[in-house]
């Protein structure tokens, strides 16, 4: 959810939505995401979509000149998905998962066997951009010798269907239903969406639990809503939801989850998020961000020029603990053993404790904001402030100890060929840590009362200068090796 919040820091204040997309989602959907982008909510044609437009332009140009031909099939599909992202800033959109099944593979893992779902765009009277993008994808992926196009009607609606003998058992359908452009996967998926549109009793907007969840979360100006029916997901995926998936959910504190609703909205420039969870012992309202009067003590740490910010309702130490537990739960026993061995060899020691010298010194606040903005406006690239409530010097030394160990562990062998694009962890003379892979990437510094993390070294340094404490500066330590900026 933290990743979603960083992405949504870049959204503007939405106005009245033209349609409730919960009304097009069948009440028995396995999962659904409703994204009401700011431009879409305002009824703009959204000719520009911020940083995504830059990424999309580059991807489409590469596709057109044939550069993507060097990529594998999965990479080309991903590139075309990225090329479709600006539609999300043009129209309110719902992504719906209706059914999913997978078969186990002999050597372990699973292969997707069946998928039924849909993307629904609230286009109103202007479906042409979505239709044009669908046509572009058809031109790229269809072949007359393999593909069959046909048209039929559902409740008076014209529906287009595509099947391909290279994808046996898969069917793609699309068409317009009462101002919604529906792109469906799986036979019958379009019909289920159309039924929800025409019969309110079958749609999610009329589901009692969903209505309660919306009411309890009380989000102002909501622009992201997520629903997951964990019980249906477990039933459909069977053993795939056992083992690793079960262990990861348990590590994240969601092992007993039956159903979940998350919502993200805006209060001025602050992103607010909460969740409503059905677990074994009942329903729970769980805040994800701090809101209202409780947020005010932290607002002064957000730069005045930040257009979006959020204060998480979890401490930095809890985030790290949960993240580490979830990561280790996702790994094989041998990988977990290797991770523990590396930690014991390079980091742990009798003179240092990860709890008392690091995690126990974190404060309550984790703050996200978008100052300074990324030069290309690319989402996910923001600044994170993690509060320190203890000795800043001790935390600085612990960061140097941990990242110094990572730096040594990741160092290439002496005879390994060098590439400017190989990710390298470096430490600047002023104590700032950063990743370099061609360009200078994510960076981190420990300053008075805070750990500052941002998308580039210069972005961290800008935040150090803006910090309210006049003595703020990266801390240096003799433990780590400096190797230039």
Protein backbone atom coordinates (compact mmCIF):
# COMPACT_ATOMS: atom_id res chain seq x y z
CA UNK A 1 0.00 0.00 0.00
CA UNK A 2 2.95 2.34 0.60
CA UNK A 3 3.90 1.98 -3.07
CA UNK A 4 0.37 2.93 -4.08
CA UNK A 5 0.54 6.00 -1.87
CA UNK A 6 3.78 7.19 -3.44
CA UNK A 7 2.21 6.81 -6.88
CA UNK A 8 -0.87 8.75 -5.84
CA UNK A 9 1.08 11.65 -4.38
CA UNK A 10 1.03 12.98 -7.94
CA UNK A 11 -2.74 13.21 -8.25
CA UNK A 12 -4.64 16.51 -8.23
CA UNK A 13 -7.86 17.21 -6.38
CA UNK A 14 -10.70 15.34 -8.10
CA UNK A 15 -14.16 16.82 -8.56
CA UNK A 16 -17.50 15.05 -8.87
CA UNK A 17 -17.18 11.69 -10.61
CA UNK A 18 -19.33 11.16 -13.69
CA UNK A 19 -20.22 7.61 -12.66
CA UNK A 20 -19.85 5.18 -9.78
CA UNK A 21 -17.76 2.41 -11.24
CA UNK A 22 -18.82 0.09 -8.43
CA UNK A 23 -22.08 -0.11 -10.39
CA UNK A 24 -20.34 -2.00 -13.24
CA UNK A 25 -18.56 -4.52 -10.98
CA UNK A 26 -20.39 -7.82 -10.32
CA UNK A 27 -20.94 -8.31 -6.59
CA UNK A 28 -19.18 -11.70 -6.72
CA UNK A 29 -15.96 -10.39 -8.28
CA UNK A 30 -12.75 -11.83 -6.80
CA UNK A 31 -11.00 -8.46 -6.85
CA UNK A 32 -11.52 -4.99 -8.25
CA UNK A 33 -9.61 -1.72 -8.48
CA UNK A 34 -11.37 1.60 -9.11
CA UNK A 35 -9.09 4.44 -10.18
CA UNK A 36 -10.67 7.86 -10.57
CA UNK A 37 -7.87 10.02 -11.96
CA UNK A 38 -7.99 13.78 -11.43
CA UNK A 39 -8.29 14.74 -15.09
CA UNK A 40 -10.97 12.11 -15.64
CA UNK A 41 -12.96 13.32 -12.66
CA UNK A 42 -12.83 16.88 -13.91
CA UNK A 43 -14.13 15.83 -17.31
CA UNK A 44 -10.98 17.01 -19.07
CA UNK A 45 -9.77 15.42 -22.26
CA UNK A 46 -6.49 14.86 -20.38
CA UNK A 47 -4.30 15.38 -23.36
CA UNK A 48 -1.36 15.12 -21.03
CA UNK A 49 -0.86 12.68 -18.21
CA UNK A 50 2.24 13.90 -16.43
CA UNK A 51 5.22 11.59 -16.19
CA UNK A 52 3.37 8.62 -17.64
CA UNK A 53 3.02 10.48 -20.94
CA UNK A 54 6.81 10.82 -21.15
CA UNK A 55 7.31 7.11 -20.46
CA UNK A 56 4.52 6.19 -22.87
CA UNK A 57 5.92 8.34 -25.66
CA UNK A 58 9.33 6.69 -25.37
CA UNK A 59 7.79 3.20 -25.32
CA UNK A 60 5.60 3.86 -28.35
CA UNK A 61 8.46 5.38 -30.33
CA UNK A 62 10.62 2.35 -29.57
CA UNK A 63 7.80 0.06 -30.65
CA UNK A 64 7.25 1.95 -33.90
CA UNK A 65 10.90 1.97 -34.96
CA UNK A 66 11.28 -1.71 -34.12
CA UNK A 67 13.51 -1.44 -31.06
CA UNK A 68 11.03 -3.51 -29.03
CA UNK A 69 11.54 -6.35 -31.47
CA UNK A 70 14.74 -7.13 -29.60
CA UNK A 71 12.67 -7.80 -26.47
CA UNK A 72 11.02 -11.05 -25.51
CA UNK A 73 7.28 -11.55 -25.87
CA UNK A 74 6.58 -10.79 -22.20
CA UNK A 75 8.60 -7.57 -22.40
CA UNK A 76 6.77 -6.43 -25.54
CA UNK A 77 3.43 -7.02 -23.84
CA UNK A 78 4.61 -5.03 -20.82
CA UNK A 79 5.71 -2.21 -23.12
CA UNK A 80 2.26 -2.09 -24.72
CA UNK A 81 0.59 -2.08 -21.31
CA UNK A 82 2.72 0.93 -20.36
CA UNK A 83 1.71 2.53 -23.65
CA UNK A 84 -1.93 2.29 -22.56
CA UNK A 85 -1.47 3.95 -19.16
CA UNK A 86 -2.50 7.48 -20.25
CA UNK A 87 -6.04 6.17 -20.65
CA UNK A 88 -6.11 5.92 -16.84
CA UNK A 89 -5.64 9.69 -16.60
CA UNK A 90 -8.32 10.33 -19.19
CA UNK A 91 -11.18 8.23 -17.80
CA UNK A 92 -12.25 6.77 -14.45
CA UNK A 93 -11.30 3.11 -14.77
CA UNK A 94 -12.14 -0.18 -13.08
CA UNK A 95 -9.99 -3.31 -13.31
CA UNK A 96 -12.07 -6.36 -12.42
CA UNK A 97 -11.01 -9.96 -11.73
CA UNK A 98 -13.92 -12.38 -12.01
CA UNK A 99 -12.27 -15.80 -12.05
CA UNK A 100 -8.71 -17.09 -11.99
CA UNK A 101 -7.37 -20.65 -11.99
CA UNK A 102 -3.89 -22.11 -12.22
CA UNK A 103 -2.36 -25.57 -12.67
CA UNK A 104 0.71 -26.80 -10.78
CA UNK A 105 3.85 -27.46 -12.81
CA UNK A 106 5.84 -30.69 -12.37
CA UNK A 107 8.99 -28.83 -11.38
CA UNK A 108 7.19 -26.52 -8.97
CA UNK A 109 5.32 -23.28 -9.45
CA UNK A 110 2.06 -22.76 -11.33
CA UNK A 111 0.84 -21.87 -14.80
CA UNK A 112 -2.22 -19.70 -15.38
CA UNK A 113 -5.00 -21.84 -16.85
CA UNK A 114 -8.03 -19.56 -16.81
CA UNK A 115 -8.58 -15.86 -16.37
CA UNK A 116 -11.81 -13.93 -16.59
CA UNK A 117 -11.95 -10.21 -16.00
CA UNK A 118 -12.32 -6.81 -17.57
CA UNK A 119 -11.09 -3.24 -17.82
CA UNK A 120 -13.97 -0.77 -17.79
CA UNK A 121 -13.51 2.87 -18.79
CA UNK A 122 -16.17 5.46 -17.94
CA UNK A 123 -15.91 7.15 -21.34
CA UNK A 124 -19.36 8.69 -21.48
CA UNK A 125 -19.95 10.01 -24.98
CA UNK A 126 -16.25 9.94 -25.93
CA UNK A 127 -15.08 6.31 -26.30
CA UNK A 128 -12.89 7.01 -29.35
CA UNK A 129 -9.46 7.14 -27.56
CA UNK A 130 -10.07 3.71 -25.97
CA UNK A 131 -11.34 2.27 -29.25
CA UNK A 132 -8.25 3.64 -31.01
CA UNK A 133 -5.91 2.04 -28.47
CA UNK A 134 -7.73 -1.29 -28.82
CA UNK A 135 -7.28 -1.07 -32.59
CA UNK A 136 -3.55 -0.34 -32.16
CA UNK A 137 -3.16 -3.49 -30.06
CA UNK A 138 -5.16 -5.52 -32.58
CA UNK A 139 -2.82 -4.34 -35.36
CA UNK A 140 0.19 -5.44 -33.31
CA UNK A 141 -1.00 -8.84 -32.12
CA UNK A 142 -3.58 -10.24 -34.55
CA UNK A 143 -2.82 -12.31 -37.62
CA UNK A 144 -5.43 -13.27 -40.21
CA UNK A 145 -4.01 -16.76 -40.44
CA UNK A 146 -4.50 -17.34 -36.70
CA UNK A 147 -7.06 -14.81 -35.43
CA UNK A 148 -10.83 -14.85 -35.80
CA UNK A 149 -12.88 -11.68 -35.35
CA UNK A 150 -16.64 -11.80 -34.97
CA UNK A 151 -19.47 -9.66 -33.68
CA UNK A 152 -22.53 -10.62 -31.66
CA UNK A 153 -25.09 -8.93 -29.43
CA UNK A 154 -25.71 -9.09 -25.67
CA UNK A 155 -28.94 -7.52 -24.44
CA UNK A 156 -28.98 -5.36 -27.56
CA UNK A 157 -25.32 -4.32 -27.19
CA UNK A 158 -22.83 -4.83 -30.02
CA UNK A 159 -19.90 -6.90 -28.79
CA UNK A 160 -16.68 -7.66 -30.68
CA UNK A 161 -14.95 -10.98 -30.02
CA UNK A 162 -11.41 -12.09 -30.84
CA UNK A 163 -10.06 -15.63 -30.59
CA UNK A 164 -6.68 -16.92 -31.71
CA UNK A 165 -5.51 -20.48 -32.25
CA UNK A 166 -2.14 -19.51 -30.72
CA UNK A 167 -4.01 -18.94 -27.42
CA UNK A 168 -6.46 -21.85 -27.25
CA UNK A 169 -9.24 -21.32 -24.76
CA UNK A 170 -8.70 -17.54 -24.51
CA UNK A 171 -11.33 -15.09 -25.74
CA UNK A 172 -11.20 -11.28 -25.81
CA UNK A 173 -14.37 -9.18 -26.02
CA UNK A 174 -15.02 -5.45 -26.13
CA UNK A 175 -17.82 -2.99 -26.65
CA UNK A 176 -19.74 -0.07 -25.18
CA UNK A 177 -22.40 -0.46 -22.46
CA UNK A 178 -24.28 2.67 -21.38
CA UNK A 179 -21.30 5.02 -21.48
CA UNK A 180 -18.77 2.42 -20.31
CA UNK A 181 -16.18 0.96 -22.69
CA UNK A 182 -15.61 -2.65 -21.62
CA UNK A 183 -12.52 -4.67 -22.61
CA UNK A 184 -13.06 -8.20 -21.30
CA UNK A 185 -10.97 -11.37 -21.11
CA UNK A 186 -12.67 -14.76 -21.03
CA UNK A 187 -15.88 -15.95 -22.60
CA UNK A 188 -18.92 -14.50 -20.85
CA UNK A 189 -16.99 -11.77 -19.00
CA UNK A 190 -18.50 -8.97 -21.09
CA UNK A 191 -21.96 -10.38 -20.44
CA UNK A 192 -21.39 -10.37 -16.65
CA UNK A 193 -20.29 -6.74 -16.74
CA UNK A 194 -23.27 -5.76 -18.91
CA UNK A 195 -25.60 -7.53 -16.49
CA UNK A 196 -24.20 -5.52 -13.57
CA UNK A 197 -24.67 -2.30 -15.56
CA UNK A 198 -28.31 -3.08 -16.34
CA UNK A 199 -29.31 -4.83 -13.10
CA UNK A 200 -28.25 -2.90 -9.95
CA UNK A 201 -29.08 -5.89 -7.74
CA UNK A 202 -26.10 -7.79 -9.19
CA UNK A 203 -23.50 -5.00 -8.85
CA UNK A 204 -20.98 -4.26 -6.11
CA UNK A 205 -22.47 -0.84 -5.35
CA UNK A 206 -25.49 -2.60 -3.83
CA UNK A 207 -23.49 -5.15 -1.80
CA UNK A 208 -24.16 -4.66 1.92
CA UNK A 209 -20.59 -5.30 3.14
CA UNK A 210 -19.08 -3.05 0.47
CA UNK A 211 -21.48 -0.23 1.38
CA UNK A 212 -20.54 -0.62 5.05
CA UNK A 213 -16.84 -0.54 4.19
CA UNK A 214 -17.25 2.67 2.19
CA UNK A 215 -19.22 4.29 5.02
CA UNK A 216 -16.75 3.30 7.73
CA UNK A 217 -13.70 4.54 5.81
CA UNK A 218 -15.32 7.97 5.23
CA UNK A 219 -12.76 8.94 2.59
CA UNK A 220 -12.88 12.51 1.29
CA UNK A 221 -12.42 12.86 -2.46
CA UNK A 222 -11.63 9.15 -3.00
CA UNK A 223 -9.70 8.38 -6.16
CA UNK A 224 -8.48 4.83 -5.52
CA UNK A 225 -10.55 1.96 -4.18
CA UNK A 226 -9.45 -1.67 -3.97
CA UNK A 227 -11.57 -4.70 -3.08
CA UNK A 228 -10.23 -8.22 -2.56
CA UNK A 229 -12.39 -11.21 -1.68
CA UNK A 230 -9.69 -13.38 -0.14
CA UNK A 231 -12.02 -16.33 0.46
CA UNK A 232 -13.01 -16.52 -3.22
CA UNK A 233 -9.37 -16.10 -4.24
CA UNK A 234 -8.29 -19.01 -2.03
CA UNK A 235 -11.15 -21.14 -3.34
CA UNK A 236 -10.24 -20.51 -6.97
CA UNK A 237 -6.46 -20.78 -6.68
CA UNK A 238 -6.44 -23.66 -4.21
CA UNK A 239 -2.96 -24.84 -3.29
CA UNK A 240 -1.38 -21.85 -5.05
CA UNK A 241 -2.59 -19.74 -2.10
CA UNK A 242 -0.97 -22.16 0.33
CA UNK A 243 2.71 -22.29 1.16
CA UNK A 244 4.58 -19.14 0.17
CA UNK A 245 1.52 -16.98 -0.49
CA UNK A 246 0.02 -17.94 2.87
CA UNK A 247 3.30 -17.27 4.68
CA UNK A 248 3.73 -13.83 3.08
CA UNK A 249 0.17 -12.81 4.04
CA UNK A 250 0.78 -14.01 7.59
CA UNK A 251 4.01 -11.99 7.75
CA UNK A 252 2.03 -8.92 6.68
CA UNK A 253 -0.56 -9.55 9.39
CA UNK A 254 -3.26 -10.69 6.95
CA UNK A 255 -3.19 -14.43 7.50
CA UNK A 256 -6.82 -14.48 8.71
CA UNK A 257 -8.13 -12.09 6.05
CA UNK A 258 -11.49 -12.95 4.46
CA UNK A 259 -12.31 -9.74 2.62
CA UNK A 260 -10.66 -6.32 2.34
CA UNK A 261 -11.45 -2.82 1.10
CA UNK A 262 -8.83 -0.09 0.78
CA UNK A 263 -9.53 3.52 -0.17
CA UNK A 264 -7.25 6.47 -0.90
CA UNK A 265 -8.49 10.05 -1.02
CA UNK A 266 -7.34 13.63 -0.58
CA UNK A 267 -7.64 16.23 2.15
CA UNK A 268 -6.13 19.33 0.58
CA UNK A 269 -2.62 18.36 -0.44
CA UNK A 270 -2.51 15.38 1.94
CA UNK A 271 -3.22 11.85 0.78
CA UNK A 272 -5.41 9.90 3.20
CA UNK A 273 -5.86 6.14 3.17
CA UNK A 274 -7.67 3.56 5.27
CA UNK A 275 -8.84 -0.02 5.08
CA UNK A 276 -11.82 -2.03 6.23
CA UNK A 277 -10.98 -5.68 6.80
CA UNK A 278 -13.10 -8.73 7.51
CA UNK A 279 -11.06 -11.18 9.57
CA UNK A 280 -11.97 -14.26 11.58
CA UNK A 281 -13.15 -12.34 14.65
CA UNK A 282 -15.12 -9.65 12.75
CA UNK A 283 -14.68 -6.42 10.82
CA UNK A 284 -11.93 -3.88 11.53
CA UNK A 285 -11.31 -0.32 10.41
CA UNK A 286 -7.54 0.11 10.02
CA UNK A 287 -6.10 3.57 9.21
CA UNK A 288 -3.13 3.61 6.85
CA UNK A 289 -2.36 7.32 7.12
CA UNK A 290 -2.72 9.84 9.93
CA UNK A 291 -5.53 12.31 9.26
CA UNK A 292 -7.32 15.26 10.79
CA UNK A 293 -5.98 16.92 13.97
CA UNK A 294 -3.63 13.99 14.67
CA UNK A 295 -1.70 14.85 11.51
CA UNK A 296 -1.05 18.50 12.35
CA UNK A 297 2.15 18.02 14.42
CA UNK A 298 3.79 16.43 11.38
CA UNK A 299 2.61 18.87 8.73
CA UNK A 300 5.42 21.36 9.49
CA UNK A 301 7.98 18.82 8.24
CA UNK A 302 6.45 18.83 4.75
CA UNK A 303 8.04 21.46 2.46
CA UNK A 304 5.73 24.30 1.48
CA UNK A 305 6.31 23.62 -2.22
CA UNK A 306 5.20 19.97 -1.94
CA UNK A 307 1.93 19.48 -3.80
CA UNK A 308 1.23 16.05 -2.31
CA UNK A 309 2.13 14.46 1.03
CA UNK A 310 1.10 11.66 3.36
CA UNK A 311 1.84 10.74 6.97
CA UNK A 312 1.74 6.98 7.46
CA UNK A 313 0.05 5.52 10.52
CA UNK A 314 2.96 3.16 11.14
CA UNK A 315 6.48 3.64 12.42
CA UNK A 316 9.58 3.12 10.31
CA UNK A 317 10.68 0.24 12.51
CA UNK A 318 7.37 -1.58 12.02
CA UNK A 319 7.59 -1.05 8.25
CA UNK A 320 11.08 -2.54 8.18
CA UNK A 321 10.15 -5.49 10.39
CA UNK A 322 7.09 -6.33 8.29
CA UNK A 323 8.99 -5.87 5.06
CA UNK A 324 11.83 -8.15 6.14
CA UNK A 325 9.43 -10.82 7.43
CA UNK A 326 7.43 -10.73 4.19
CA UNK A 327 10.58 -10.85 2.04
CA UNK A 328 11.99 -13.84 3.93
CA UNK A 329 8.61 -15.60 3.78
CA UNK A 330 8.64 -15.21 -0.01
CA UNK A 331 12.01 -16.94 -0.35
CA UNK A 332 12.92 -20.60 -0.51
CA UNK A 333 14.43 -22.21 2.61
CA UNK A 334 17.88 -22.19 0.98
CA UNK A 335 17.60 -18.49 0.09
CA UNK A 336 16.50 -17.64 3.65
CA UNK A 337 19.44 -19.61 5.02
CA UNK A 338 21.86 -17.76 2.71
CA UNK A 339 20.36 -14.41 3.77
CA UNK A 340 20.79 -15.24 7.47
CA UNK A 341 24.36 -16.39 6.85
CA UNK A 342 25.21 -13.14 5.04
CA UNK A 343 23.66 -11.09 7.86
CA UNK A 344 25.63 -13.00 10.51
CA UNK A 345 28.85 -12.71 8.51
CA UNK A 346 28.76 -9.09 7.37
CA UNK A 347 26.46 -7.18 9.74
CA UNK A 348 25.81 -8.83 13.09
CA UNK A 349 28.31 -8.53 15.90
CA UNK A 350 28.68 -8.52 19.67
CA UNK A 351 29.28 -4.76 19.59
CA UNK A 352 26.00 -3.98 17.81
CA UNK A 353 22.29 -4.85 18.01
CA UNK A 354 19.86 -4.27 15.14
CA UNK A 355 17.13 -3.68 17.72
CA UNK A 356 18.72 -1.40 20.34
CA UNK A 357 21.17 0.36 17.97
CA UNK A 358 18.77 0.82 15.06
CA UNK A 359 15.08 -0.16 15.06
CA UNK A 360 14.32 0.88 18.65
CA UNK A 361 15.61 4.39 17.87
CA UNK A 362 12.97 5.09 15.21
CA UNK A 363 10.13 7.47 15.98
CA UNK A 364 6.44 7.28 15.15
CA UNK A 365 6.37 9.17 11.84
CA UNK A 366 6.95 8.18 8.23
CA UNK A 367 6.25 11.09 5.88
CA UNK A 368 6.02 10.98 2.08
CA UNK A 369 6.02 14.07 -0.13
CA UNK A 370 6.82 15.11 -3.71
CA UNK A 371 9.39 17.85 -3.12
CA UNK A 372 11.47 18.30 -5.14
CA UNK A 373 9.37 17.01 -8.04
CA UNK A 374 11.06 14.57 -10.39
CA UNK A 375 12.23 16.44 -13.52
CA UNK A 376 10.10 14.17 -15.73
CA UNK A 377 7.22 13.92 -13.27
CA UNK A 378 7.54 10.13 -13.11
CA UNK A 379 5.29 8.59 -10.43
CA UNK A 380 6.71 6.53 -7.53
CA UNK A 381 9.72 8.86 -7.36
CA UNK A 382 9.14 10.88 -4.20
CA UNK A 383 10.82 11.66 -0.87
CA UNK A 384 10.40 9.62 2.32
CA UNK A 385 11.22 10.98 5.79
CA UNK A 386 11.62 8.40 8.56
CA UNK A 387 11.64 9.91 12.04
CA UNK A 388 14.42 9.13 14.50
CA UNK A 389 13.55 9.27 18.21
CA UNK A 390 16.91 8.54 19.73
CA UNK A 391 20.58 9.06 18.99
CA UNK A 392 20.93 10.25 15.42
CA UNK A 393 24.63 9.42 15.53
CA UNK A 394 23.88 5.82 16.54
CA UNK A 395 21.37 5.45 13.72
CA UNK A 396 23.87 6.95 11.27
CA UNK A 397 26.52 4.46 12.31
CA UNK A 398 24.01 1.60 11.98
CA UNK A 399 23.02 2.71 8.48
CA UNK A 400 26.71 2.82 7.51
CA UNK A 401 27.21 -0.63 8.99
CA UNK A 402 24.25 -2.20 7.16
CA UNK A 403 24.74 -0.48 3.79
CA UNK A 404 28.50 -0.93 3.99
CA UNK A 405 27.91 -4.68 4.32
CA UNK A 406 25.53 -4.62 1.35
CA UNK A 407 28.12 -2.67 -0.64
CA UNK A 408 30.80 -5.27 0.05
CA UNK A 409 28.43 -8.17 -0.62
CA UNK A 410 27.36 -6.71 -3.99
CA UNK A 411 30.85 -5.75 -5.13
CA UNK A 412 31.72 -7.50 -8.42
CA UNK A 413 34.59 -9.93 -8.57
CA UNK A 414 37.95 -8.49 -9.58
CA UNK A 415 37.89 -10.30 -12.94
CA UNK A 416 34.19 -9.57 -13.69
CA UNK A 417 33.49 -7.43 -16.79
CA UNK A 418 32.42 -3.92 -15.83
CA UNK A 419 29.29 -2.30 -17.22
CA UNK A 420 28.14 1.27 -16.53
CA UNK A 421 24.60 -0.09 -16.12
CA UNK A 422 25.45 -2.59 -13.39
CA UNK A 423 23.76 -1.36 -10.17
CA UNK A 424 26.38 -0.23 -7.67
CA UNK A 425 25.88 1.00 -4.13
CA UNK A 426 28.10 3.99 -3.35
CA UNK A 427 28.76 6.34 -0.46
CA UNK A 428 29.57 10.01 -1.09
CA UNK A 429 32.19 11.85 1.00
CA UNK A 430 29.43 13.74 2.84
CA UNK A 431 27.94 10.46 4.11
CA UNK A 432 25.10 10.14 1.60
CA UNK A 433 24.42 6.66 0.19
CA UNK A 434 23.11 6.17 -3.35
CA UNK A 435 22.64 3.60 -6.09
CA UNK A 436 24.31 4.15 -9.45
CA UNK A 437 23.24 2.26 -12.57
CA UNK A 438 24.24 4.55 -15.41
CA UNK A 439 22.18 7.33 -13.83
CA UNK A 440 22.31 8.18 -10.14
CA UNK A 441 19.41 6.41 -8.52
CA UNK A 442 17.76 6.22 -5.08
CA UNK A 443 19.68 7.90 -2.28
CA UNK A 444 19.62 8.05 1.51
CA UNK A 445 21.10 10.26 4.22
CA UNK A 446 20.82 10.37 7.99
CA UNK A 447 20.33 13.86 9.35
CA UNK A 448 19.21 15.41 12.64
CA UNK A 449 16.10 13.49 13.68
CA UNK A 450 15.38 11.94 10.27
CA UNK A 451 16.41 9.41 7.67
CA UNK A 452 15.86 11.07 4.29
CA UNK A 453 15.29 8.88 1.23
CA UNK A 454 14.62 10.16 -2.28
CA UNK A 455 14.98 9.30 -5.96
CA UNK A 456 18.45 10.87 -6.45
CA UNK A 457 21.32 12.32 -4.39
CA UNK A 458 20.44 15.89 -5.36
CA UNK A 459 16.83 15.35 -4.25
CA UNK A 460 18.07 14.19 -0.82
CA UNK A 461 20.37 17.19 -0.53
CA UNK A 462 17.55 19.57 -1.45
CA UNK A 463 15.51 18.10 1.39
CA UNK A 464 18.41 18.44 3.80
CA UNK A 465 18.57 22.15 3.03
CA UNK A 466 14.80 22.54 3.48
CA UNK A 467 14.69 20.67 6.77
CA UNK A 468 13.39 22.74 9.67
CA UNK A 469 16.38 21.97 11.89
CA UNK A 470 19.16 24.43 10.91
CA UNK A 471 21.91 21.93 11.74
CA UNK A 472 20.57 19.30 9.33
CA UNK A 473 23.32 17.68 7.31
CA UNK A 474 24.37 14.15 6.36
CA UNK A 475 26.26 12.45 9.13
CA UNK A 476 29.62 10.91 8.38
CA UNK A 477 31.17 7.84 9.87
CA UNK A 478 34.60 6.28 9.67
CA UNK A 479 33.05 2.82 9.26
CA UNK A 480 32.11 3.09 5.60
CA UNK A 481 34.29 3.84 2.63
CA UNK A 482 33.69 6.99 0.59
CA UNK A 483 34.10 6.70 -3.15
CA UNK A 484 33.01 10.01 -4.63
CA UNK A 485 29.84 11.58 -5.86
